[in-house]
PDB file of N, CA and C in Angstrom:
ATOM      1  N   MET A   1       7.702 -19.437   7.098  1.00  0.00           N
ATOM      2  CA  MET A   1       6.405 -18.265   7.411  1.00  0.00           C
ATOM      3  C   MET A   1       6.899 -17.092   6.991  1.00  0.00           C
ATOM      4  N   GLY A   2       5.892 -16.344   6.739  1.00  0.00           N
ATOM      5  CA  GLY A   2       6.411 -14.971   6.262  1.00  0.00           C
ATOM      6  C   GLY A   2       5.975 -14.025   7.076  1.00  0.00           C
ATOM      7  N   ILE A   3       5.851 -12.470   6.601  1.00  0.00           N
ATOM      8  CA  ILE A   3       5.677 -11.284   7.425  1.00  0.00           C
ATOM      9  C   ILE A   3       4.623 -10.915   6.926  1.00  0.00           C
ATOM     10  N   GLU A   4       3.354 -10.581   8.223  1.00  0.00           N
ATOM     11  CA  GLU A   4       2.279 -10.080   7.809  1.00  0.00           C
ATOM     12  C   GLU A   4       2.564  -8.718   8.528  1.00  0.00           C
ATOM     13  N   SER A   5       2.002  -7.595   7.885  1.00  0.00           N
ATOM     14  CA  SER A   5       2.200  -6.108   8.478  1.00  0.00           C
ATOM     15  C   SER A   5       0.979  -5.451   7.856  1.00  0.00           C
ATOM     16  N   PHE A   6       0.371  -4.837   9.031  1.00  0.00           N
ATOM     17  CA  PHE A   6      -0.753  -3.840   8.795  1.00  0.00           C
ATOM     18  C   PHE A   6      -0.961  -2.642   9.644  1.00  0.00           C
ATOM     19  N   PRO A   7      -1.415  -1.728   9.557  1.00  0.00           N
ATOM     20  CA  PRO A   7      -1.926  -0.873  10.786  1.00  0.00           C
ATOM     21  C   PRO A   7      -3.000  -1.163  11.551  1.00  0.00           C
ATOM     22  N   ILE A   8      -3.256  -0.604  12.655  1.00  0.00           N
ATOM     23  CA  ILE A   8      -4.417  -0.529  13.512  1.00  0.00           C
ATOM     24  C   ILE A   8      -4.588   0.897  14.192  1.00  0.00           C
ATOM     25  N   ALA A   9      -5.939   1.145  14.383  1.00  0.00           N
ATOM     26  CA  ALA A   9      -6.127   2.189  15.360  1.00  0.00           C
ATOM     27  C   ALA A   9      -6.552   1.868  16.804  1.00  0.00           C
ATOM     28  N   ALA A  10      -6.028   2.064  17.725  1.00  0.00           N
ATOM     29  CA  ALA A  10      -6.197   1.479  18.971  1.00  0.00           C
ATOM     30  C   ALA A  10      -7.082   2.743  19.712  1.00  0.00           C
ATOM     31  N   LEU A  11      -8.452   2.388  20.148  1.00  0.00           N
ATOM     32  CA  LEU A  11      -9.281   3.235  20.772  1.00  0.00           C
ATOM     33  C   LEU A  11      -9.577   2.911  22.045  1.00  0.00           C
ATOM     34  N   ARG A  12     -10.530   3.864  22.788  1.00  0.00           N
ATOM     35  CA  ARG A  12     -10.466   3.858  24.242  1.00  0.00           C
ATOM     36  C   ARG A  12     -12.168   2.895  24.501  1.00  0.00           C
ATOM     37  N   SER A  13     -12.853   2.770  23.682  1.00  0.00           N
ATOM     38  CA  SER A  13     -13.869   2.245  23.944  1.00  0.00           C
ATOM     39  C   SER A  13     -14.541   1.204  22.556  1.00  0.00           C
ATOM     40  N   ARG A  14     -15.207   0.353  22.892  1.00  0.00           N
ATOM     41  CA  ARG A  14     -15.698  -0.378  21.672  1.00  0.00           C
ATOM     42  C   ARG A  14     -16.886   0.558  20.869  1.00  0.00           C
ATOM     43  N   GLN A  15     -17.310   1.357  21.823  1.00  0.00           N
ATOM     44  CA  GLN A  15     -18.443   2.383  20.934  1.00  0.00           C
ATOM     45  C   GLN A  15     -17.640   3.236  19.671  1.00  0.00           C
ATOM     46  N   ALA A  16     -16.254   3.705  20.130  1.00  0.00           N
ATOM     47  CA  ALA A  16     -15.369   4.542  19.175  1.00  0.00           C
ATOM     48  C   ALA A  16     -14.766   3.427  18.284  1.00  0.00           C
ATOM     49  N   VAL A  17     -14.501   2.377  18.487  1.00  0.00           N
ATOM     50  CA  VAL A  17     -14.234   1.349  17.124  1.00  0.00           C
ATOM     51  C   VAL A  17     -15.177   1.045  16.367  1.00  0.00           C
ATOM     52  N   LEU A  18     -16.443   0.921  16.735  1.00  0.00           N
ATOM     53  CA  LEU A  18     -17.589   0.556  15.937  1.00  0.00           C
ATOM     54  C   LEU A  18     -18.057   1.822  14.937  1.00  0.00           C
ATOM     55  N   ARG A  19     -17.923   3.084  15.615  1.00  0.00           N
ATOM     56  CA  ARG A  19     -18.234   4.520  15.027  1.00  0.00           C
ATOM     57  C   ARG A  19     -17.116   4.506  13.992  1.00  0.00           C
ATOM     58  N   LEU A  20     -15.974   4.601  14.468  1.00  0.00           N
ATOM     59  CA  LEU A  20     -14.874   4.883  13.217  1.00  0.00           C
ATOM     60  C   LEU A  20     -14.977   3.319  12.168  1.00  0.00           C
ATOM     61  N   ASP A  21     -15.175   2.447  12.591  1.00  0.00           N
ATOM     62  CA  ASP A  21     -15.365   1.274  11.366  1.00  0.00           C
ATOM     63  C   ASP A  21     -16.764   1.778  10.613  1.00  0.00           C
ATOM     64  N   SER A  22     -17.567   2.230  11.134  1.00  0.00           N
ATOM     65  CA  SER A  22     -18.814   2.340  10.058  1.00  0.00           C
ATOM     66  C   SER A  22     -18.578   3.784   9.214  1.00  0.00           C
ATOM     67  N   MET A  23     -17.848   4.691   9.965  1.00  0.00           N
ATOM     68  CA  MET A  23     -17.457   5.965   8.981  1.00  0.00           C
ATOM     69  C   MET A  23     -16.557   5.659   7.738  1.00  0.00           C
ATOM     70  N   LEU A  24     -15.682   4.847   8.198  1.00  0.00           N
ATOM     71  CA  LEU A  24     -14.527   4.560   7.063  1.00  0.00           C
ATOM     72  C   LEU A  24     -14.960   3.340   6.122  1.00  0.00           C
ATOM     73  N   ARG A  25     -15.893   2.412   6.607  1.00  0.00           N
ATOM     74  CA  ARG A  25     -16.757   1.835   5.386  1.00  0.00           C
ATOM     75  C   ARG A  25     -17.716   2.592   4.762  1.00  0.00           C
ATOM     76  N   ARG A  26     -18.068   3.548   5.156  1.00  0.00           N
ATOM     77  CA  ARG A  26     -19.164   4.374   4.239  1.00  0.00           C
ATOM     78  C   ARG A  26     -18.112   5.125   3.420  1.00  0.00           C
ATOM     79  N   ALA A  27     -16.940   5.442   3.743  1.00  0.00           N
ATOM     80  CA  ALA A  27     -16.304   6.342   2.491  1.00  0.00           C
ATOM     81  C   ALA A  27     -15.411   5.496   1.662  1.00  0.00           C
ATOM     82  N   GLY A  28     -15.437   4.003   1.942  1.00  0.00           N
ATOM     83  CA  GLY A  28     -14.960   2.884   1.202  1.00  0.00           C
ATOM     84  C   GLY A  28     -13.945   2.243   1.239  1.00  0.00           C
ATOM     85  N   ALA A  29     -13.540   2.477   2.673  1.00  0.00           N
ATOM     86  CA  ALA A  29     -12.284   1.896   3.213  1.00  0.00           C
ATOM     87  C   ALA A  29     -12.698   0.319   3.547  1.00  0.00           C
ATOM     88  N   ARG A  30     -11.677  -0.428   3.169  1.00  0.00           N
ATOM     89  CA  ARG A  30     -11.773  -1.668   3.901  1.00  0.00           C
ATOM     90  C   ARG A  30     -11.045  -1.743   5.204  1.00  0.00           C
ATOM     91  N   THR A  31     -11.779  -1.827   6.035  1.00  0.00           N
ATOM     92  CA  THR A  31     -11.713  -2.403   7.589  1.00  0.00           C
ATOM     93  C   THR A  31     -12.100  -3.655   8.063  1.00  0.00           C
ATOM     94  N   GLU A  32     -11.354  -3.947   9.242  1.00  0.00           N
ATOM     95  CA  GLU A  32     -11.857  -5.193  10.034  1.00  0.00           C
ATOM     96  C   GLU A  32     -11.461  -4.689  11.852  1.00  0.00           C
ATOM     97  N   ILE A  33     -12.374  -5.338  12.532  1.00  0.00           N
ATOM     98  CA  ILE A  33     -12.380  -5.018  13.700  1.00  0.00           C
ATOM     99  C   ILE A  33     -11.543  -6.517  14.552  1.00  0.00           C
ATOM    100  N   VAL A  34     -10.446  -6.111  15.010  1.00  0.00           N
ATOM    101  CA  VAL A  34      -9.400  -6.954  15.659  1.00  0.00           C
ATOM    102  C   VAL A  34      -9.345  -6.821  17.068  1.00  0.00           C
ATOM    103  N   SER A  35      -8.655  -7.864  17.944  1.00  0.00           N
ATOM    104  CA  SER A  35      -8.040  -7.959  19.098  1.00  0.00           C
ATOM    105  C   SER A  35      -6.944  -6.856  19.148  1.00  0.00           C
ATOM    106  N   THR A  36      -7.100  -6.062  20.247  1.00  0.00           N
ATOM    107  CA  THR A  36      -5.838  -5.457  20.408  1.00  0.00           C
ATOM    108  C   THR A  36      -4.592  -6.074  20.820  1.00  0.00           C
ATOM    109  N   PRO A  37      -3.576  -5.941  20.182  1.00  0.00           N
ATOM    110  CA  PRO A  37      -2.495  -6.692  20.458  1.00  0.00           C
ATOM    111  C   PRO A  37      -1.919  -6.373  21.866  1.00  0.00           C
ATOM    112  N   ARG A  38      -1.502  -7.235  22.680  1.00  0.00           N
ATOM    113  CA  ARG A  38      -1.164  -7.209  24.230  1.00  0.00           C
ATOM    114  C   ARG A  38      -0.059  -5.793  24.552  1.00  0.00           C
ATOM    115  N   GLN A  39       0.754  -5.749  23.399  1.00  0.00           N
ATOM    116  CA  GLN A  39       1.574  -4.821  23.526  1.00  0.00           C
ATOM    117  C   GLN A  39       0.923  -3.450  23.781  1.00  0.00           C
ATOM    118  N   VAL A  40      -0.223  -3.213  23.448  1.00  0.00           N
ATOM    119  CA  VAL A  40      -0.886  -1.933  23.519  1.00  0.00           C
ATOM    120  C   VAL A  40      -1.828  -2.136  24.971  1.00  0.00           C
ATOM    121  N   ALA A  41      -1.130  -1.919  26.068  1.00  0.00           N
ATOM    122  CA  ALA A  41      -2.042  -2.525  27.054  1.00  0.00           C
ATOM    123  C   ALA A  41      -3.050  -1.800  27.511  1.00  0.00           C
ATOM    124  N   ILE A  42      -3.484  -0.855  26.948  1.00  0.00           N
ATOM    125  CA  ILE A  42      -4.907   0.066  27.352  1.00  0.00           C
ATOM    126  C   ILE A  42      -5.792   0.047  26.530  1.00  0.00           C
ATOM    127  N   GLY A  43      -6.939   0.313  26.877  1.00  0.00           N
ATOM    128  CA  GLY A  43      -8.103   0.518  25.910  1.00  0.00           C
ATOM    129  C   GLY A  43      -9.164  -0.817  25.962  1.00  0.00           C
ATOM    130  N   CYS A  44     -10.181  -0.896  25.256  1.00  0.00           N
ATOM    131  CA  CYS A  44     -11.284  -1.658  25.108  1.00  0.00           C
ATOM    132  C   CYS A  44     -11.065  -3.057  24.871  1.00  0.00           C
ATOM    133  N   GLY A  45      -9.720  -3.456  24.313  1.00  0.00           N
ATOM    134  CA  GLY A  45      -9.823  -4.680  23.911  1.00  0.00           C
ATOM    135  C   GLY A  45      -9.769  -5.140  22.159  1.00  0.00           C
ATOM    136  N   LEU A  46     -10.326  -3.975  21.797  1.00  0.00           N
ATOM    137  CA  LEU A  46     -10.692  -3.935  20.108  1.00  0.00           C
ATOM    138  C   LEU A  46      -9.879  -2.817  19.642  1.00  0.00           C
ATOM    139  N   SER A  47      -9.404  -3.091  18.265  1.00  0.00           N
ATOM    140  CA  SER A  47      -8.882  -2.136  17.515  1.00  0.00           C
ATOM    141  C   SER A  47      -9.326  -2.103  15.995  1.00  0.00           C
ATOM    142  N   LEU A  48      -9.036  -1.111  15.560  1.00  0.00           N
ATOM    143  CA  LEU A  48      -9.574  -1.206  13.812  1.00  0.00           C
ATOM    144  C   LEU A  48      -8.261  -1.231  13.029  1.00  0.00           C
ATOM    145  N   ARG A  49      -8.317  -2.456  12.165  1.00  0.00           N
ATOM    146  CA  ARG A  49      -7.294  -2.784  11.247  1.00  0.00           C
ATOM    147  C   ARG A  49      -7.777  -2.127   9.971  1.00  0.00           C
ATOM    148  N   PHE A  50      -6.978  -1.409   9.157  1.00  0.00           N
ATOM    149  CA  PHE A  50      -7.346  -0.823   7.745  1.00  0.00           C
ATOM    150  C   PHE A  50      -6.114  -0.872   7.035  1.00  0.00           C
ATOM    151  N   ASP A  51      -5.936  -0.552   5.863  1.00  0.00           N
ATOM    152  CA  ASP A  51      -5.119  -0.755   4.795  1.00  0.00           C
ATOM    153  C   ASP A  51      -4.405   0.597   5.124  1.00  0.00           C
ATOM    154  N   MET A  52      -3.053   0.449   4.708  1.00  0.00           N
ATOM    155  CA  MET A  52      -2.059   1.729   4.822  1.00  0.00           C
ATOM    156  C   MET A  52      -2.402   2.873   4.079  1.00  0.00           C
ATOM    157  N   LYS A  53      -2.964   2.414   2.785  1.00  0.00           N
ATOM    158  CA  LYS A  53      -3.305   3.437   1.997  1.00  0.00           C
ATOM    159  C   LYS A  53      -4.405   4.373   2.466  1.00  0.00           C
ATOM    160  N   ASP A  54      -5.219   4.037   3.588  1.00  0.00           N
ATOM    161  CA  ASP A  54      -6.225   4.547   3.964  1.00  0.00           C
ATOM    162  C   ASP A  54      -5.990   5.659   5.329  1.00  0.00           C
ATOM    163  N   LEU A  55      -4.682   5.441   5.570  1.00  0.00           N
ATOM    164  CA  LEU A  55      -3.966   6.151   6.714  1.00  0.00           C
ATOM    165  C   LEU A  55      -4.329   7.878   6.847  1.00  0.00           C
ATOM    166  N   PRO A  56      -4.430   8.634   5.711  1.00  0.00           N
ATOM    167  CA  PRO A  56      -4.851   9.765   5.702  1.00  0.00           C
ATOM    168  C   PRO A  56      -6.177   9.918   5.860  1.00  0.00           C
ATOM    169  N   LEU A  57      -7.118   9.122   5.416  1.00  0.00           N
ATOM    170  CA  LEU A  57      -8.756   9.003   5.977  1.00  0.00           C
ATOM    171  C   LEU A  57      -8.917   8.611   7.386  1.00  0.00           C
ATOM    172  N   VAL A  58      -8.235   7.922   7.859  1.00  0.00           N
ATOM    173  CA  VAL A  58      -8.357   7.354   9.169  1.00  0.00           C
ATOM    174  C   VAL A  58      -7.927   8.957  10.098  1.00  0.00           C
ATOM    175  N   LYS A  59      -6.851   9.169   9.861  1.00  0.00           N
ATOM    176  CA  LYS A  59      -6.398  10.622  10.704  1.00  0.00           C
ATOM    177  C   LYS A  59      -7.495  11.709  10.303  1.00  0.00           C
ATOM    178  N   GLN A  60      -8.058  11.702   9.112  1.00  0.00           N
ATOM    179  CA  GLN A  60      -8.954  12.720   9.122  1.00  0.00           C
ATOM    180  C   GLN A  60     -10.386  12.835   9.856  1.00  0.00           C
ATOM    181  N   TYR A  61     -10.628  11.234   9.740  1.00  0.00           N
ATOM    182  CA  TYR A  61     -11.787  11.027  10.787  1.00  0.00           C
ATOM    183  C   TYR A  61     -11.632  11.158  12.147  1.00  0.00           C
ATOM    184  N   LEU A  62     -10.418  10.921  12.565  1.00  0.00           N
ATOM    185  CA  LEU A  62     -10.108  11.168  14.015  1.00  0.00           C
ATOM    186  C   LEU A  62      -9.716  12.427  14.379  1.00  0.00           C
ATOM    187  N   GLN A  63      -9.821  13.507  13.607  1.00  0.00           N
ATOM    188  CA  GLN A  63      -9.538  14.777  13.994  1.00  0.00           C
ATOM    189  C   GLN A  63     -10.618  15.394  14.994  1.00  0.00           C
ATOM    190  N   GLY A  64     -10.301  15.919  15.866  1.00  0.00           N
ATOM    191  CA  GLY A  64     -11.383  16.214  16.881  1.00  0.00           C
ATOM    192  C   GLY A  64     -11.870  15.121  17.828  1.00  0.00           C
ATOM    193  N   GLN A  65     -11.250  13.781  17.808  1.00  0.00           N
ATOM    194  CA  GLN A  65     -11.905  12.587  18.589  1.00  0.00           C
ATOM    195  C   GLN A  65     -10.573  12.105  19.253  1.00  0.00           C
ATOM    196  N   GLU A  66      -9.506  13.193  19.583  1.00  0.00           N
ATOM    197  CA  GLU A  66      -8.188  12.442  20.085  1.00  0.00           C
ATOM    198  C   GLU A  66      -8.478  12.031  21.466  1.00  0.00           C
ATOM    199  N   GLN A  67      -9.289  12.305  22.268  1.00  0.00           N
ATOM    200  CA  GLN A  67      -9.748  11.493  23.700  1.00  0.00           C
ATOM    201  C   GLN A  67      -9.945  10.097  23.503  1.00  0.00           C
ATOM    202  N   ALA A  68     -10.294   9.938  22.223  1.00  0.00           N
ATOM    203  CA  ALA A  68     -10.892   8.562  22.040  1.00  0.00           C
ATOM    204  C   ALA A  68      -9.793   7.451  21.497  1.00  0.00           C
ATOM    205  N   LEU A  69      -8.793   8.181  21.193  1.00  0.00           N
ATOM    206  CA  LEU A  69      -7.676   7.483  20.369  1.00  0.00           C
ATOM    207  C   LEU A  69      -6.409   7.094  21.226  1.00  0.00           C
ATOM    208  N   ILE A  70      -6.101   5.953  21.482  1.00  0.00           N
ATOM    209  CA  ILE A  70      -5.084   5.530  22.171  1.00  0.00           C
ATOM    210  C   ILE A  70      -3.770   5.768  21.155  1.00  0.00           C
ATOM    211  N   GLY A  71      -3.744   5.247  20.009  1.00  0.00           N
ATOM    212  CA  GLY A  71      -2.730   5.507  19.220  1.00  0.00           C
ATOM    213  C   GLY A  71      -2.747   4.737  17.918  1.00  0.00           C
ATOM    214  N   LEU A  72      -2.036   5.042  17.027  1.00  0.00           N
ATOM    215  CA  LEU A  72      -1.852   4.334  15.387  1.00  0.00           C
ATOM    216  C   LEU A  72      -0.628   3.570  15.589  1.00  0.00           C
ATOM    217  N   TYR A  73      -0.712   2.364  15.299  1.00  0.00           N
ATOM    218  CA  TYR A  73       0.338   1.569  15.160  1.00  0.00           C
ATOM    219  C   TYR A  73       0.358   0.314  14.183  1.00  0.00           C
ATOM    220  N   ARG A  74       1.746   0.177  13.829  1.00  0.00           N
ATOM    221  CA  ARG A  74       1.895  -0.905  12.689  1.00  0.00           C
ATOM    222  C   ARG A  74       2.420  -2.026  13.460  1.00  0.00           C
ATOM    223  N   VAL A  75       1.306  -3.233  13.193  1.00  0.00           N
ATOM    224  CA  VAL A  75       1.554  -4.806  13.713  1.00  0.00           C
ATOM    225  C   VAL A  75       2.328  -5.551  12.686  1.00  0.00           C
ATOM    226  N   GLU A  76       3.401  -6.107  13.010  1.00  0.00           N
ATOM    227  CA  GLU A  76       3.844  -7.157  12.351  1.00  0.00           C
ATOM    228  C   GLU A  76       3.843  -8.183  12.967  1.00  0.00           C
ATOM    229  N   ASN A  77       3.497  -9.244  12.187  1.00  0.00           N
ATOM    230  CA  ASN A  77       3.468 -10.549  12.535  1.00  0.00           C
ATOM    231  C   ASN A  77       4.792 -11.460  11.887  1.00  0.00           C
ATOM    232  N   VAL A  78       6.060 -11.704  12.519  1.00  0.00           N
ATOM    233  CA  VAL A  78       6.978 -12.490  12.005  1.00  0.00           C
ATOM    234  C   VAL A  78       7.272 -13.834  12.559  1.00  0.00           C
ATOM    235  N   SER A  79       6.737 -14.564  11.804  1.00  0.00           N
ATOM    236  CA  SER A  79       6.919 -16.210  12.145  1.00  0.00           C
ATOM    237  C   SER A  79       6.414 -16.275  13.311  1.00  0.00           C
ATOM    238  N   GLY A  80       5.043 -15.608  13.527  1.00  0.00           N
ATOM    239  CA  GLY A  80       4.095 -15.966  14.865  1.00  0.00           C
ATOM    240  C   GLY A  80       4.678 -15.007  16.015  1.00  0.00           C
ATOM    241  N   ARG A  81       5.448 -14.255  15.773  1.00  0.00           N
ATOM    242  CA  ARG A  81       6.067 -13.166  16.808  1.00  0.00           C
ATOM    243  C   ARG A  81       5.408 -11.781  16.536  1.00  0.00           C
ATOM    244  N   VAL A  82       4.677 -11.217  17.500  1.00  0.00           N
ATOM    245  CA  VAL A  82       3.844 -10.329  17.104  1.00  0.00           C
ATOM    246  C   VAL A  82       5.048  -8.932  17.513  1.00  0.00           C
ATOM    247  N   HIS A  83       4.897  -7.651  16.509  1.00  0.00           N
ATOM    248  CA  HIS A  83       5.772  -6.601  16.959  1.00  0.00           C
ATOM    249  C   HIS A  83       4.805  -5.367  17.025  1.00  0.00           C
ATOM    250  N   VAL A  84       4.745  -4.666  17.858  1.00  0.00           N
ATOM    251  CA  VAL A  84       4.092  -3.466  17.522  1.00  0.00           C
ATOM    252  C   VAL A  84       4.876  -2.198  17.668  1.00  0.00           C
ATOM    253  N   THR A  85       4.544  -1.095  16.843  1.00  0.00           N
ATOM    254  CA  THR A  85       5.199   0.138  16.658  1.00  0.00           C
ATOM    255  C   THR A  85       4.339   1.183  16.513  1.00  0.00           C
ATOM    256  N   PRO A  86       4.743   2.669  16.920  1.00  0.00           N
ATOM    257  CA  PRO A  86       3.585   3.534  16.801  1.00  0.00           C
ATOM    258  C   PRO A  86       3.797   3.895  15.247  1.00  0.00           C
ATOM    259  N   LEU A  87       2.736   4.420  14.601  1.00  0.00           N
ATOM    260  CA  LEU A  87       2.912   5.013  13.304  1.00  0.00           C
ATOM    261  C   LEU A  87       3.216   6.562  13.518  1.00  0.00           C
ATOM    262  N   ASN A  88       3.880   7.056  12.675  1.00  0.00           N
ATOM    263  CA  ASN A  88       3.898   8.685  13.060  1.00  0.00           C
ATOM    264  C   ASN A  88       2.888   9.487  12.125  1.00  0.00           C
TER     265      ASN A  88
END
């Protein structure tokens, strides 16, 4: 088994996830709505997965919406074990 690694934006509401997904897709980013990992214990249960190259775009769209953001995280799936670390 290999290592899968990707960033997510964990948000406080489904509406915020859907809004961010829509804005990023219109800007040409590849996104996917995913279940929030258990290690991120708060939020609506949904997060937005995106490509690391789009991190600056994600941060740009989240400016002024900090109240909706729980955090930006790197999710690593190593042989079936999920590790979550905050992105700086």
